[in-house]
Amino acid sequence: MGMTNKQFQGFIRLALELLRKALQKSPDNEDLKKVLDIFQSMLEDGD
């Protein structure tokens, strides 16, 4: 059973929130920034 689009978008938003918190603790972490950009591009509305 797969995820609905709404569930997927919710998962991405949750991951983005966690990534942003991690970046607050390590603002110079380039790997976190890259992952954040990738996850951000996965949102339909580009939030």
N, C-alpha and C. Protein backbone atom coordinates (compact mmCIF):
# COMPACT_ATOMS: atom_id res chain seq x y z
N MET A 1 0.84 -1.17 0.00
CA MET A 1 0.00 0.00 0.00
C MET A 1 0.90 1.24 0.00
N GLY A 2 0.63 2.14 -0.95
CA GLY A 2 1.45 3.33 -1.07
C GLY A 2 0.90 4.50 -0.28
N MET A 3 1.66 5.58 -0.33
CA MET A 3 1.27 6.81 0.35
C MET A 3 0.45 7.67 -0.60
N THR A 4 -0.52 8.37 -0.06
CA THR A 4 -1.22 9.36 -0.86
C THR A 4 -0.31 10.58 -1.02
N ASN A 5 -0.65 11.42 -1.98
CA ASN A 5 0.13 12.63 -2.19
C ASN A 5 0.12 13.50 -0.92
N LYS A 6 -1.03 13.59 -0.28
CA LYS A 6 -1.14 14.40 0.94
C LYS A 6 -0.23 13.85 2.05
N GLN A 7 -0.19 12.53 2.19
CA GLN A 7 0.68 11.91 3.20
C GLN A 7 2.14 12.17 2.87
N PHE A 8 2.49 12.06 1.60
CA PHE A 8 3.87 12.29 1.17
C PHE A 8 4.28 13.73 1.47
N GLN A 9 3.41 14.68 1.12
CA GLN A 9 3.71 16.09 1.37
C GLN A 9 3.87 16.35 2.87
N GLY A 10 3.05 15.69 3.69
CA GLY A 10 3.17 15.84 5.14
C GLY A 10 4.49 15.30 5.65
N PHE A 11 4.90 14.16 5.10
CA PHE A 11 6.19 13.57 5.48
C PHE A 11 7.34 14.52 5.12
N ILE A 12 7.28 15.09 3.94
CA ILE A 12 8.33 16.02 3.49
C ILE A 12 8.37 17.25 4.40
N ARG A 13 7.20 17.77 4.77
CA ARG A 13 7.16 18.94 5.66
C ARG A 13 7.73 18.61 7.04
N LEU A 14 7.44 17.43 7.53
CA LEU A 14 8.01 17.00 8.81
C LEU A 14 9.53 16.91 8.72
N ALA A 15 10.01 16.31 7.65
CA ALA A 15 11.46 16.18 7.46
C ALA A 15 12.11 17.57 7.35
N LEU A 16 11.46 18.48 6.64
CA LEU A 16 11.99 19.85 6.51
C LEU A 16 12.09 20.54 7.86
N GLU A 17 11.09 20.35 8.68
CA GLU A 17 11.11 20.95 10.02
C GLU A 17 12.31 20.43 10.82
N LEU A 18 12.53 19.13 10.76
CA LEU A 18 13.66 18.53 11.49
C LEU A 18 15.00 18.99 10.92
N LEU A 19 15.07 19.11 9.60
CA LEU A 19 16.31 19.59 8.98
C LEU A 19 16.60 21.03 9.37
N ARG A 20 15.57 21.85 9.42
CA ARG A 20 15.77 23.26 9.81
C ARG A 20 16.25 23.36 11.25
N LYS A 21 15.71 22.54 12.13
CA LYS A 21 16.16 22.53 13.52
C LYS A 21 17.62 22.08 13.61
N ALA A 22 17.98 21.08 12.83
CA ALA A 22 19.36 20.60 12.83
C ALA A 22 20.30 21.69 12.31
N LEU A 23 19.85 22.45 11.32
CA LEU A 23 20.68 23.53 10.78
C LEU A 23 20.84 24.67 11.78
N GLN A 24 19.87 24.87 12.65
CA GLN A 24 20.02 25.89 13.68
C GLN A 24 21.15 25.52 14.63
N LYS A 25 21.32 24.23 14.87
CA LYS A 25 22.38 23.76 15.75
C LYS A 25 23.72 23.70 15.04
N SER A 26 23.70 23.45 13.73
CA SER A 26 24.92 23.36 12.92
C SER A 26 24.75 24.17 11.64
N PRO A 27 24.73 25.48 11.72
CA PRO A 27 24.44 26.30 10.54
C PRO A 27 25.46 26.19 9.41
N ASP A 28 26.63 25.69 9.68
CA ASP A 28 27.66 25.58 8.64
C ASP A 28 27.72 24.21 7.98
N ASN A 29 26.80 23.33 8.33
CA ASN A 29 26.82 21.97 7.79
C ASN A 29 26.29 21.97 6.35
N GLU A 30 27.19 21.86 5.39
CA GLU A 30 26.83 21.92 3.98
C GLU A 30 25.99 20.71 3.55
N ASP A 31 26.23 19.55 4.14
CA ASP A 31 25.44 18.36 3.79
C ASP A 31 23.98 18.55 4.18
N LEU A 32 23.74 19.11 5.35
CA LEU A 32 22.37 19.39 5.78
C LEU A 32 21.69 20.39 4.85
N LYS A 33 22.44 21.39 4.42
CA LYS A 33 21.89 22.38 3.50
C LYS A 33 21.48 21.75 2.18
N LYS A 34 22.31 20.82 1.67
CA LYS A 34 22.00 20.15 0.41
C LYS A 34 20.75 19.29 0.54
N VAL A 35 20.65 18.55 1.65
CA VAL A 35 19.48 17.71 1.86
C VAL A 35 18.23 18.58 2.01
N LEU A 36 18.35 19.69 2.72
CA LEU A 36 17.23 20.60 2.87
C LEU A 36 16.76 21.10 1.51
N ASP A 37 17.69 21.47 0.64
CA ASP A 37 17.33 21.94 -0.70
C ASP A 37 16.61 20.85 -1.50
N ILE A 38 17.09 19.62 -1.39
CA ILE A 38 16.46 18.51 -2.11
C ILE A 38 15.03 18.29 -1.62
N PHE A 39 14.86 18.25 -0.31
CA PHE A 39 13.53 18.04 0.25
C PHE A 39 12.61 19.22 -0.09
N GLN A 40 13.15 20.43 -0.07
CA GLN A 40 12.37 21.61 -0.41
C GLN A 40 11.84 21.51 -1.85
N SER A 41 12.67 21.01 -2.75
CA SER A 41 12.26 20.90 -4.15
C SER A 41 11.21 19.81 -4.36
N MET A 42 11.05 18.92 -3.39
CA MET A 42 10.06 17.85 -3.51
C MET A 42 8.64 18.33 -3.19
N LEU A 43 8.51 19.49 -2.57
CA LEU A 43 7.19 20.03 -2.27
C LEU A 43 6.57 20.60 -3.53
N GLU A 44 5.31 20.34 -3.75
CA GLU A 44 4.62 20.84 -4.94
C GLU A 44 4.54 22.35 -4.96
N ASP A 45 4.27 22.94 -3.79
CA ASP A 45 4.09 24.39 -3.75
C ASP A 45 5.38 25.15 -3.53
N GLY A 46 6.49 24.42 -3.35
CA GLY A 46 7.78 25.06 -3.17
C GLY A 46 7.93 25.81 -1.87
N ASP A 47 7.06 25.50 -0.89
CA ASP A 47 7.05 26.16 0.42
C ASP A 47 8.45 26.44 0.88
